[in-house]
């Protein structure tokens, strides 16, 4: 059974469809005055666990140095249309599983 749900991408709502075992990736990056920023988002449908796994990895550099962070969320397939967004779309209710951050400059200074 495929699952479908709404996500916010590129300034608007898009409907994602995942087949069992399928992963969909979205990568974006931009340069700015002080460096760059990039984001990789992935959605995976785990049919056995009846869950969609969402990961978001961000990396960037500005005048303070490089900063990376990563989050992982899950949503049971019966909650993929659980919360109503302000634009009226029914969206997933994601539960955060893990989160981490690395400040590369602070690490280089021994913090």
PDB file of N, CA and C in Angstrom:
ATOM      1  N   UNK A   1       0.844  -1.175   0.000  1.00  0.00           N
ATOM      2  CA  UNK A   1       0.000   0.000   0.000  1.00  0.00           C
ATOM      3  C   UNK A   1       0.895   1.246   0.000  1.00  0.00           C
ATOM      4  N   UNK A   2       0.637   2.169  -0.868  1.00  0.00           N
ATOM      5  CA  UNK A   2       1.354   3.442  -0.914  1.00  0.00           C
ATOM      6  C   UNK A   2       0.785   4.398   0.123  1.00  0.00           C
ATOM      7  N   UNK A   3       1.619   5.360   0.545  1.00  0.00           N
ATOM      8  CA  UNK A   3       1.155   6.410   1.455  1.00  0.00           C
ATOM      9  C   UNK A   3       1.344   7.752   0.764  1.00  0.00           C
ATOM     10  N   UNK A   4       0.478   8.696   1.098  1.00  0.00           N
ATOM     11  CA  UNK A   4       0.539  10.052   0.536  1.00  0.00           C
ATOM     12  C   UNK A   4       0.359  11.053   1.675  1.00  0.00           C
ATOM     13  N   UNK A   5       1.088  12.165   1.579  1.00  0.00           N
ATOM     14  CA  UNK A   5       0.969  13.208   2.595  1.00  0.00           C
ATOM     15  C   UNK A   5       1.538  14.504   2.041  1.00  0.00           C
ATOM     16  N   UNK A   6       1.137  15.621   2.670  1.00  0.00           N
ATOM     17  CA  UNK A   6       1.562  16.950   2.245  1.00  0.00           C
ATOM     18  C   UNK A   6       2.811  17.376   2.994  1.00  0.00           C
ATOM     19  N   UNK A   7       3.703  18.058   2.288  1.00  0.00           N
ATOM     20  CA  UNK A   7       4.900  18.677   2.870  1.00  0.00           C
ATOM     21  C   UNK A   7       5.078  20.051   2.252  1.00  0.00           C
ATOM     22  N   UNK A   8       5.806  20.914   2.935  1.00  0.00           N
ATOM     23  CA  UNK A   8       6.089  22.265   2.453  1.00  0.00           C
ATOM     24  C   UNK A   8       7.445  22.256   1.778  1.00  0.00           C
ATOM     25  N   UNK A   9       7.514  22.581   0.498  1.00  0.00           N
ATOM     26  CA  UNK A   9       8.770  22.605  -0.254  1.00  0.00           C
ATOM     27  C   UNK A   9       8.750  23.766  -1.238  1.00  0.00           C
ATOM     28  N   UNK A  10       9.870  24.473  -1.340  1.00  0.00           N
ATOM     29  CA  UNK A  10      10.033  25.535  -2.339  1.00  0.00           C
ATOM     30  C   UNK A  10       8.912  26.571  -2.297  1.00  0.00           C
ATOM     31  N   UNK A  11       8.459  26.911  -1.107  1.00  0.00           N
ATOM     32  CA  UNK A  11       7.463  27.962  -0.963  1.00  0.00           C
ATOM     33  C   UNK A  11       6.021  27.540  -1.156  1.00  0.00           C
ATOM     34  N   UNK A  12       5.745  26.241  -1.167  1.00  0.00           N
ATOM     35  CA  UNK A  12       4.369  25.786  -1.323  1.00  0.00           C
ATOM     36  C   UNK A  12       4.202  24.332  -0.920  1.00  0.00           C
ATOM     37  N   UNK A  13       2.952  23.885  -0.850  1.00  0.00           N
ATOM     38  CA  UNK A  13       2.644  22.505  -0.492  1.00  0.00           C
ATOM     39  C   UNK A  13       2.842  21.584  -1.693  1.00  0.00           C
ATOM     40  N   UNK A  14       3.427  20.423  -1.433  1.00  0.00           N
ATOM     41  CA  UNK A  14       3.528  19.361  -2.428  1.00  0.00           C
ATOM     42  C   UNK A  14       3.059  18.070  -1.770  1.00  0.00           C
ATOM     43  N   UNK A  15       2.440  17.210  -2.553  1.00  0.00           N
ATOM     44  CA  UNK A  15       1.986  15.930  -2.021  1.00  0.00           C
ATOM     45  C   UNK A  15       3.022  14.877  -2.381  1.00  0.00           C
ATOM     46  N   UNK A  16       3.565  14.212  -1.354  1.00  0.00           N
ATOM     47  CA  UNK A  16       4.529  13.145  -1.565  1.00  0.00           C
ATOM     48  C   UNK A  16       3.811  11.810  -1.566  1.00  0.00           C
ATOM     49  N   UNK A  17       4.255  10.919  -2.443  1.00  0.00           N
ATOM     50  CA  UNK A  17       3.738   9.550  -2.485  1.00  0.00           C
ATOM     51  C   UNK A  17       4.921   8.620  -2.324  1.00  0.00           C
ATOM     52  N   UNK A  18       4.822   7.705  -1.360  1.00  0.00           N
ATOM     53  CA  UNK A  18       5.882   6.729  -1.128  1.00  0.00           C
ATOM     54  C   UNK A  18       5.328   5.323  -1.235  1.00  0.00           C
ATOM     55  N   UNK A  19       6.042   4.476  -1.934  1.00  0.00           N
ATOM     56  CA  UNK A  19       5.751   3.047  -1.979  1.00  0.00           C
ATOM     57  C   UNK A  19       6.510   2.373  -0.846  1.00  0.00           C
ATOM     58  N   UNK A  20       6.104   1.184  -0.433  1.00  0.00           N
ATOM     59  CA  UNK A  20       6.825   0.489   0.633  1.00  0.00           C
ATOM     60  C   UNK A  20       8.320   0.374   0.315  1.00  0.00           C
ATOM     61  N   UNK A  21       9.158   0.773   1.278  1.00  0.00           N
ATOM     62  CA  UNK A  21      10.602   0.696   1.116  1.00  0.00           C
ATOM     63  C   UNK A  21      11.217   1.844   0.335  1.00  0.00           C
ATOM     64  N   UNK A  22      10.407   2.716  -0.209  1.00  0.00           N
ATOM     65  CA  UNK A  22      10.913   3.810  -1.045  1.00  0.00           C
ATOM     66  C   UNK A  22      11.407   4.984  -0.197  1.00  0.00           C
ATOM     67  N   UNK A  23      12.463   5.640  -0.691  1.00  0.00           N
ATOM     68  CA  UNK A  23      12.977   6.867  -0.096  1.00  0.00           C
ATOM     69  C   UNK A  23      12.944   7.967  -1.150  1.00  0.00           C
ATOM     70  N   UNK A  24      12.462   9.132  -0.761  1.00  0.00           N
ATOM     71  CA  UNK A  24      12.467  10.315  -1.622  1.00  0.00           C
ATOM     72  C   UNK A  24      13.381  11.343  -0.961  1.00  0.00           C
ATOM     73  N   UNK A  25      14.282  11.933  -1.752  1.00  0.00           N
ATOM     74  CA  UNK A  25      15.223  12.934  -1.251  1.00  0.00           C
ATOM     75  C   UNK A  25      14.969  14.287  -1.906  1.00  0.00           C
ATOM     76  N   UNK A  26      15.219  15.351  -1.147  1.00  0.00           N
ATOM     77  CA  UNK A  26      15.167  16.702  -1.694  1.00  0.00           C
ATOM     78  C   UNK A  26      16.378  17.455  -1.173  1.00  0.00           C
ATOM     79  N   UNK A  27      17.179  18.005  -2.083  1.00  0.00           N
ATOM     80  CA  UNK A  27      18.377  18.751  -1.709  1.00  0.00           C
ATOM     81  C   UNK A  27      18.252  20.180  -2.196  1.00  0.00           C
ATOM     82  N   UNK A  28      18.633  21.121  -1.330  1.00  0.00           N
ATOM     83  CA  UNK A  28      18.666  22.519  -1.739  1.00  0.00           C
ATOM     84  C   UNK A  28      19.914  23.165  -1.136  1.00  0.00           C
ATOM     85  N   UNK A  29      20.441  24.156  -1.845  1.00  0.00           N
ATOM     86  CA  UNK A  29      21.607  24.877  -1.336  1.00  0.00           C
ATOM     87  C   UNK A  29      21.593  26.285  -1.907  1.00  0.00           C
ATOM     88  N   UNK A  30      22.280  27.164  -1.209  1.00  0.00           N
ATOM     89  CA  UNK A  30      22.413  28.530  -1.699  1.00  0.00           C
ATOM     90  C   UNK A  30      23.666  29.158  -1.126  1.00  0.00           C
ATOM     91  N   UNK A  31      24.241  30.043  -1.898  1.00  0.00           N
ATOM     92  CA  UNK A  31      25.352  30.860  -1.443  1.00  0.00           C
ATOM     93  C   UNK A  31      24.789  32.190  -0.960  1.00  0.00           C
ATOM     94  N   UNK A  32      25.427  32.759   0.042  1.00  0.00           N
ATOM     95  CA  UNK A  32      25.010  34.070   0.528  1.00  0.00           C
ATOM     96  C   UNK A  32      26.249  34.900   0.859  1.00  0.00           C
ATOM     97  N   UNK A  33      26.046  36.106   1.357  1.00  0.00           N
ATOM     98  CA  UNK A  33      27.148  37.051   1.583  1.00  0.00           C
ATOM     99  C   UNK A  33      28.274  36.485   2.435  1.00  0.00           C
ATOM    100  N   UNK A  34      27.932  35.671   3.417  1.00  0.00           N
ATOM    101  CA  UNK A  34      28.941  35.198   4.364  1.00  0.00           C
ATOM    102  C   UNK A  34      29.337  33.737   4.167  1.00  0.00           C
ATOM    103  N   UNK A  35      28.781  33.049   3.195  1.00  0.00           N
ATOM    104  CA  UNK A  35      29.125  31.640   3.009  1.00  0.00           C
ATOM    105  C   UNK A  35      28.074  30.883   2.223  1.00  0.00           C
ATOM    106  N   UNK A  36      27.563  29.811   2.825  1.00  0.00           N
ATOM    107  CA  UNK A  36      26.595  28.954   2.124  1.00  0.00           C
ATOM    108  C   UNK A  36      25.692  28.268   3.144  1.00  0.00           C
ATOM    109  N   UNK A  37      24.616  27.686   2.651  1.00  0.00           N
ATOM    110  CA  UNK A  37      23.760  26.818   3.458  1.00  0.00           C
ATOM    111  C   UNK A  37      23.208  25.738   2.543  1.00  0.00           C
ATOM    112  N   UNK A  38      23.023  24.550   3.092  1.00  0.00           N
ATOM    113  CA  UNK A  38      22.452  23.444   2.322  1.00  0.00           C
ATOM    114  C   UNK A  38      21.574  22.600   3.233  1.00  0.00           C
ATOM    115  N   UNK A  39      20.575  21.973   2.619  1.00  0.00           N
ATOM    116  CA  UNK A  39      19.641  21.119   3.350  1.00  0.00           C
ATOM    117  C   UNK A  39      19.344  19.884   2.517  1.00  0.00           C
ATOM    118  N   UNK A  40      19.445  18.717   3.149  1.00  0.00           N
ATOM    119  CA  UNK A  40      19.041  17.446   2.542  1.00  0.00           C
ATOM    120  C   UNK A  40      17.908  16.882   3.388  1.00  0.00           C
ATOM    121  N   UNK A  41      16.764  16.656   2.750  1.00  0.00           N
ATOM    122  CA  UNK A  41      15.615  16.066   3.420  1.00  0.00           C
ATOM    123  C   UNK A  41      15.319  14.720   2.778  1.00  0.00           C
ATOM    124  N   UNK A  42      14.976  13.737   3.609  1.00  0.00           N
ATOM    125  CA  UNK A  42      14.663  12.390   3.112  1.00  0.00           C
ATOM    126  C   UNK A  42      13.437  11.858   3.834  1.00  0.00           C
ATOM    127  N   UNK A  43      12.559  11.218   3.078  1.00  0.00           N
ATOM    128  CA  UNK A  43      11.383  10.555   3.622  1.00  0.00           C
ATOM    129  C   UNK A  43      11.440   9.099   3.184  1.00  0.00           C
ATOM    130  N   UNK A  44      11.290   8.162   4.132  1.00  0.00           N
ATOM    131  CA  UNK A  44      11.341   6.732   3.842  1.00  0.00           C
ATOM    132  C   UNK A  44      10.110   6.070   4.436  1.00  0.00           C
ATOM    133  N   UNK A  45       9.474   5.208   3.645  1.00  0.00           N
ATOM    134  CA  UNK A  45       8.298   4.480   4.115  1.00  0.00           C
ATOM    135  C   UNK A  45       8.729   3.086   4.571  1.00  0.00           C
ATOM    136  N   UNK A  46       8.632   2.833   5.880  1.00  0.00           N
ATOM    137  CA  UNK A  46       8.921   1.527   6.466  1.00  0.00           C
ATOM    138  C   UNK A  46       7.588   0.805   6.650  1.00  0.00           C
ATOM    139  N   UNK A  47       7.248  -0.040   5.687  1.00  0.00           N
ATOM    140  CA  UNK A  47       5.943  -0.701   5.703  1.00  0.00           C
ATOM    141  C   UNK A  47       5.810  -1.647   6.894  1.00  0.00           C
ATOM    142  N   UNK A  48       6.897  -2.334   7.252  1.00  0.00           N
ATOM    143  CA  UNK A  48       6.847  -3.285   8.362  1.00  0.00           C
ATOM    144  C   UNK A  48       6.492  -2.594   9.675  1.00  0.00           C
ATOM    145  N   UNK A  49       7.058  -1.403   9.902  1.00  0.00           N
ATOM    146  CA  UNK A  49       6.772  -0.627  11.116  1.00  0.00           C
ATOM    147  C   UNK A  49       5.560   0.296  10.946  1.00  0.00           C
ATOM    148  N   UNK A  50       5.000   0.334   9.728  1.00  0.00           N
ATOM    149  CA  UNK A  50       3.872   1.209   9.395  1.00  0.00           C
ATOM    150  C   UNK A  50       4.175   2.664   9.785  1.00  0.00           C
ATOM    151  N   UNK A  51       5.371   3.108   9.369  1.00  0.00           N
ATOM    152  CA  UNK A  51       5.886   4.411   9.760  1.00  0.00           C
ATOM    153  C   UNK A  51       6.603   5.066   8.587  1.00  0.00           C
ATOM    154  N   UNK A  52       6.530   6.400   8.528  1.00  0.00           N
ATOM    155  CA  UNK A  52       7.367   7.173   7.618  1.00  0.00           C
ATOM    156  C   UNK A  52       8.454   7.818   8.463  1.00  0.00           C
ATOM    157  N   UNK A  53       9.692   7.712   7.999  1.00  0.00           N
ATOM    158  CA  UNK A  53      10.845   8.291   8.681  1.00  0.00           C
ATOM    159  C   UNK A  53      11.288   9.514   7.878  1.00  0.00           C
ATOM    160  N   UNK A  54      11.440  10.632   8.566  1.00  0.00           N
ATOM    161  CA  UNK A  54      11.850  11.886   7.934  1.00  0.00           C
ATOM    162  C   UNK A  54      13.166  12.328   8.556  1.00  0.00           C
ATOM    163  N   UNK A  55      14.165  12.574   7.723  1.00  0.00           N
ATOM    164  CA  UNK A  55      15.433  13.105   8.216  1.00  0.00           C
ATOM    165  C   UNK A  55      15.712  14.437   7.533  1.00  0.00           C
ATOM    166  N   UNK A  56      16.336  15.328   8.288  1.00  0.00           N
ATOM    167  CA  UNK A  56      16.698  16.651   7.780  1.00  0.00           C
ATOM    168  C   UNK A  56      18.127  16.936   8.223  1.00  0.00           C
ATOM    169  N   UNK A  57      19.022  17.088   7.258  1.00  0.00           N
ATOM    170  CA  UNK A  57      20.426  17.390   7.522  1.00  0.00           C
ATOM    171  C   UNK A  57      20.745  18.757   6.937  1.00  0.00           C
ATOM    172  N   UNK A  58      21.257  19.652   7.782  1.00  0.00           N
ATOM    173  CA  UNK A  58      21.599  21.007   7.355  1.00  0.00           C
ATOM    174  C   UNK A  58      23.075  21.258   7.592  1.00  0.00           C
ATOM    175  N   UNK A  59      23.685  22.001   6.692  1.00  0.00           N
ATOM    176  CA  UNK A  59      25.091  22.352   6.817  1.00  0.00           C
ATOM    177  C   UNK A  59      25.251  23.768   6.276  1.00  0.00           C
ATOM    178  N   UNK A  60      26.123  24.546   6.910  1.00  0.00           N
ATOM    179  CA  UNK A  60      26.325  25.898   6.423  1.00  0.00           C
ATOM    180  C   UNK A  60      27.546  26.542   7.031  1.00  0.00           C
ATOM    181  N   UNK A  61      27.901  27.651   6.438  1.00  0.00           N
ATOM    182  CA  UNK A  61      29.038  28.432   6.929  1.00  0.00           C
ATOM    183  C   UNK A  61      28.670  29.906   6.813  1.00  0.00           C
ATOM    184  N   UNK A  62      29.034  30.647   7.887  1.00  0.00           N
ATOM    185  CA  UNK A  62      28.878  32.102   7.857  1.00  0.00           C
ATOM    186  C   UNK A  62      30.100  32.721   8.526  1.00  0.00           C
ATOM    187  N   UNK A  63      30.001  33.965   8.950  1.00  0.00           N
ATOM    188  CA  UNK A  63      31.160  34.651   9.531  1.00  0.00           C
ATOM    189  C   UNK A  63      31.642  33.998  10.825  1.00  0.00           C
ATOM    190  N   UNK A  64      30.803  33.228  11.480  1.00  0.00           N
ATOM    191  CA  UNK A  64      31.186  32.551  12.716  1.00  0.00           C
ATOM    192  C   UNK A  64      31.751  31.154  12.473  1.00  0.00           C
ATOM    193  N   UNK A  65      31.760  30.691  11.238  1.00  0.00           N
ATOM    194  CA  UNK A  65      32.278  29.359  10.930  1.00  0.00           C
ATOM    195  C   UNK A  65      31.196  28.403  10.470  1.00  0.00           C
ATOM    196  N   UNK A  66      31.545  27.133  10.466  1.00  0.00           N
ATOM    197  CA  UNK A  66      30.661  26.090   9.960  1.00  0.00           C
ATOM    198  C   UNK A  66      29.788  25.533  11.084  1.00  0.00           C
ATOM    199  N   UNK A  67      28.522  25.225  10.744  1.00  0.00           N
ATOM    200  CA  UNK A  67      27.575  24.646  11.683  1.00  0.00           C
ATOM    201  C   UNK A  67      26.769  23.584  10.947  1.00  0.00           C
ATOM    202  N   UNK A  68      26.665  22.402  11.536  1.00  0.00           N
ATOM    203  CA  UNK A  68      25.894  21.299  10.950  1.00  0.00           C
ATOM    204  C   UNK A  68      24.891  20.812  11.978  1.00  0.00           C
ATOM    205  N   UNK A  69      23.717  20.416  11.508  1.00  0.00           N
ATOM    206  CA  UNK A  69      22.763  19.773  12.410  1.00  0.00           C
ATOM    207  C   UNK A  69      21.938  18.757  11.666  1.00  0.00           C
ATOM    208  N   UNK A  70      21.376  17.830  12.425  1.00  0.00           N
ATOM    209  CA  UNK A  70      20.605  16.733  11.849  1.00  0.00           C
ATOM    210  C   UNK A  70      19.468  16.374  12.796  1.00  0.00           C
ATOM    211  N   UNK A  71      18.302  16.118  12.235  1.00  0.00           N
ATOM    212  CA  UNK A  71      17.149  15.666  13.016  1.00  0.00           C
ATOM    213  C   UNK A  71      16.516  14.476  12.313  1.00  0.00           C
ATOM    214  N   UNK A  72      15.966  13.569  13.116  1.00  0.00           N
ATOM    215  CA  UNK A  72      15.208  12.434  12.593  1.00  0.00           C
ATOM    216  C   UNK A  72      13.849  12.425  13.276  1.00  0.00           C
ATOM    217  N   UNK A  73      12.805  12.248  12.474  1.00  0.00           N
ATOM    218  CA  UNK A  73      11.432  12.211  12.958  1.00  0.00           C
ATOM    219  C   UNK A  73      10.747  10.964  12.413  1.00  0.00           C
ATOM    220  N   UNK A  74       9.701  10.519  13.097  1.00  0.00           N
ATOM    221  CA  UNK A  74       8.867   9.436  12.588  1.00  0.00           C
ATOM    222  C   UNK A  74       7.407   9.848  12.681  1.00  0.00           C
ATOM    223  N   UNK A  75       6.599   9.210  11.858  1.00  0.00           N
ATOM    224  CA  UNK A  75       5.154   9.423  11.905  1.00  0.00           C
ATOM    225  C   UNK A  75       4.468   8.120  11.504  1.00  0.00           C
ATOM    226  N   UNK A  76       3.633   7.547  12.385  1.00  0.00           N
ATOM    227  CA  UNK A  76       2.856   6.377  11.986  1.00  0.00           C
ATOM    228  C   UNK A  76       1.960   6.736  10.804  1.00  0.00           C
ATOM    229  N   UNK A  77       1.742   5.785   9.919  1.00  0.00           N
ATOM    230  CA  UNK A  77       0.988   6.100   8.697  1.00  0.00           C
ATOM    231  C   UNK A  77      -0.443   6.549   8.986  1.00  0.00           C
ATOM    232  N   UNK A  78      -0.990   6.179  10.144  1.00  0.00           N
ATOM    233  CA  UNK A  78      -2.350   6.629  10.460  1.00  0.00           C
ATOM    234  C   UNK A  78      -2.388   8.068  10.976  1.00  0.00           C
ATOM    235  N   UNK A  79      -1.203   8.729  11.105  1.00  0.00           N
ATOM    236  CA  UNK A  79      -1.161  10.132  11.530  1.00  0.00           C
ATOM    237  C   UNK A  79      -0.549  11.030  10.457  1.00  0.00           C
ATOM    238  N   UNK A  80      -0.508  10.555   9.221  1.00  0.00           N
ATOM    239  CA  UNK A  80       0.060  11.360   8.137  1.00  0.00           C
ATOM    240  C   UNK A  80      -0.833  12.541   7.747  1.00  0.00           C
ATOM    241  N   UNK A  81      -2.096  12.491   8.117  1.00  0.00           N
ATOM    242  CA  UNK A  81      -3.009  13.609   7.885  1.00  0.00           C
ATOM    243  C   UNK A  81      -3.688  13.942   9.202  1.00  0.00           C
ATOM    244  N   UNK A  82      -2.867  14.238  10.212  1.00  0.00           N
ATOM    245  CA  UNK A  82      -3.364  14.376  11.573  1.00  0.00           C
ATOM    246  C   UNK A  82      -3.572  15.827  12.012  1.00  0.00           C
ATOM    247  N   UNK A  83      -2.677  16.707  11.624  1.00  0.00           N
ATOM    248  CA  UNK A  83      -2.742  18.104  12.070  1.00  0.00           C
ATOM    249  C   UNK A  83      -3.135  19.000  10.903  1.00  0.00           C
ATOM    250  N   UNK A  84      -3.922  20.002  11.176  1.00  0.00           N
ATOM    251  CA  UNK A  84      -4.327  20.923  10.115  1.00  0.00           C
ATOM    252  C   UNK A  84      -3.435  22.158  10.148  1.00  0.00           C
ATOM    253  N   UNK A  85      -2.786  22.418   9.018  1.00  0.00           N
ATOM    254  CA  UNK A  85      -1.918  23.591   8.891  1.00  0.00           C
ATOM    255  C   UNK A  85      -2.775  24.835   8.667  1.00  0.00           C
ATOM    256  N   UNK A  86      -2.169  26.003   8.836  1.00  0.00           N
ATOM    257  CA  UNK A  86      -2.912  27.255   8.677  1.00  0.00           C
ATOM    258  C   UNK A  86      -3.436  27.446   7.255  1.00  0.00           C
ATOM    259  N   UNK A  87      -2.850  26.730   6.271  1.00  0.00           N
ATOM    260  CA  UNK A  87      -3.344  26.841   4.895  1.00  0.00           C
ATOM    261  C   UNK A  87      -4.461  25.844   4.595  1.00  0.00           C
ATOM    262  N   UNK A  88      -4.896  25.078   5.612  1.00  0.00           N
ATOM    263  CA  UNK A  88      -6.009  24.154   5.445  1.00  0.00           C
ATOM    264  C   UNK A  88      -5.620  22.725   5.112  1.00  0.00           C
ATOM    265  N   UNK A  89      -4.377  22.487   4.734  1.00  0.00           N
ATOM    266  CA  UNK A  89      -3.939  21.130   4.418  1.00  0.00           C
ATOM    267  C   UNK A  89      -3.769  20.296   5.696  1.00  0.00           C
ATOM    268  N   UNK A  90      -4.077  19.017   5.570  1.00  0.00           N
ATOM    269  CA  UNK A  90      -3.850  18.088   6.679  1.00  0.00           C
ATOM    270  C   UNK A  90      -2.451  17.530   6.529  1.00  0.00           C
ATOM    271  N   UNK A  91      -1.631  17.679   7.570  1.00  0.00           N
ATOM    272  CA  UNK A  91      -0.208  17.358   7.492  1.00  0.00           C
ATOM    273  C   UNK A  91       0.184  16.331   8.567  1.00  0.00           C
ATOM    274  N   UNK A  92       1.347  15.704   8.396  1.00  0.00           N
ATOM    275  CA  UNK A  92       1.801  14.701   9.376  1.00  0.00           C
ATOM    276  C   UNK A  92       2.082  15.310  10.747  1.00  0.00           C
ATOM    277  N   UNK A  93       1.910  14.483  11.759  1.00  0.00           N
ATOM    278  CA  UNK A  93       2.306  14.845  13.119  1.00  0.00           C
ATOM    279  C   UNK A  93       3.614  14.103  13.415  1.00  0.00           C
ATOM    280  N   UNK A  94       4.724  14.784  13.194  1.00  0.00           N
ATOM    281  CA  UNK A  94       6.044  14.175  13.333  1.00  0.00           C
ATOM    282  C   UNK A  94       6.472  14.123  14.800  1.00  0.00           C
ATOM    283  N   UNK A  95       7.061  12.991  15.205  1.00  0.00           N
ATOM    284  CA  UNK A  95       7.653  12.827  16.525  1.00  0.00           C
ATOM    285  C   UNK A  95       9.173  12.830  16.371  1.00  0.00           C
ATOM    286  N   UNK A  96       9.845  13.714  17.085  1.00  0.00           N
ATOM    287  CA  UNK A  96      11.312  13.771  16.992  1.00  0.00           C
ATOM    288  C   UNK A  96      11.915  12.553  17.689  1.00  0.00           C
ATOM    289  N   UNK A  97      12.801  11.863  16.964  1.00  0.00           N
ATOM    290  CA  UNK A  97      13.492  10.689  17.488  1.00  0.00           C
ATOM    291  C   UNK A  97      14.895  11.060  17.952  1.00  0.00           C
ATOM    292  N   UNK A  98      15.560  11.897  17.165  1.00  0.00           N
ATOM    293  CA  UNK A  98      16.924  12.298  17.532  1.00  0.00           C
ATOM    294  C   UNK A  98      17.242  13.654  16.926  1.00  0.00           C
ATOM    295  N   UNK A  99      18.226  14.311  17.542  1.00  0.00           N
ATOM    296  CA  UNK A  99      18.681  15.601  17.067  1.00  0.00           C
ATOM    297  C   UNK A  99      20.127  15.772  17.500  1.00  0.00           C
ATOM    298  N   UNK A 100      20.945  16.322  16.606  1.00  0.00           N
ATOM    299  CA  UNK A 100      22.335  16.589  16.967  1.00  0.00           C
ATOM    300  C   UNK A 100      22.820  17.817  16.225  1.00  0.00           C
ATOM    301  N   UNK A 101      23.833  18.446  16.803  1.00  0.00           N
ATOM    302  CA  UNK A 101      24.392  19.651  16.204  1.00  0.00           C
ATOM    303  C   UNK A 101      25.898  19.655  16.404  1.00  0.00           C
ATOM    304  N   UNK A 102      26.599  20.172  15.414  1.00  0.00           N
ATOM    305  CA  UNK A 102      28.054  20.300  15.525  1.00  0.00           C
ATOM    306  C   UNK A 102      28.456  21.706  15.108  1.00  0.00           C
ATOM    307  N   UNK A 103      29.089  22.400  16.034  1.00  0.00           N
ATOM    308  CA  UNK A 103      29.673  23.708  15.767  1.00  0.00           C
ATOM    309  C   UNK A 103      31.153  23.462  15.510  1.00  0.00           C
ATOM    310  N   UNK A 104      31.549  23.510  14.252  1.00  0.00           N
ATOM    311  CA  UNK A 104      32.903  23.139  13.860  1.00  0.00           C
ATOM    312  C   UNK A 104      33.951  24.073  14.465  1.00  0.00           C
ATOM    313  N   UNK A 105      33.661  25.364  14.578  1.00  0.00           N
ATOM    314  CA  UNK A 105      34.611  26.317  15.149  1.00  0.00           C
ATOM    315  C   UNK A 105      34.795  26.055  16.641  1.00  0.00           C
ATOM    316  N   UNK A 106      33.699  25.829  17.357  1.00  0.00           N
ATOM    317  CA  UNK A 106      33.792  25.532  18.783  1.00  0.00           C
ATOM    318  C   UNK A 106      34.565  24.233  19.019  1.00  0.00           C
ATOM    319  N   UNK A 107      34.344  23.249  18.176  1.00  0.00           N
ATOM    320  CA  UNK A 107      35.070  21.990  18.289  1.00  0.00           C
ATOM    321  C   UNK A 107      36.558  22.169  18.084  1.00  0.00           C
ATOM    322  N   UNK A 108      36.929  23.023  17.142  1.00  0.00           N
ATOM    323  CA  UNK A 108      38.342  23.272  16.872  1.00  0.00           C
ATOM    324  C   UNK A 108      39.017  23.974  18.038  1.00  0.00           C
ATOM    325  N   UNK A 109      38.218  24.707  18.847  1.00  0.00           N
ATOM    326  CA  UNK A 109      38.769  25.405  20.006  1.00  0.00           C
ATOM    327  C   UNK A 109      38.701  24.561  21.275  1.00  0.00           C
ATOM    328  N   UNK A 110      38.244  23.315  21.151  1.00  0.00           N
ATOM    329  CA  UNK A 110      38.223  22.413  22.284  1.00  0.00           C
ATOM    330  C   UNK A 110      36.971  22.430  23.134  1.00  0.00           C
ATOM    331  N   UNK A 111      35.896  23.063  22.657  1.00  0.00           N
ATOM    332  CA  UNK A 111      34.650  23.079  23.431  1.00  0.00           C
ATOM    333  C   UNK A 111      33.858  21.830  23.196  1.00  0.00           C
TER     334      UNK A 111
END
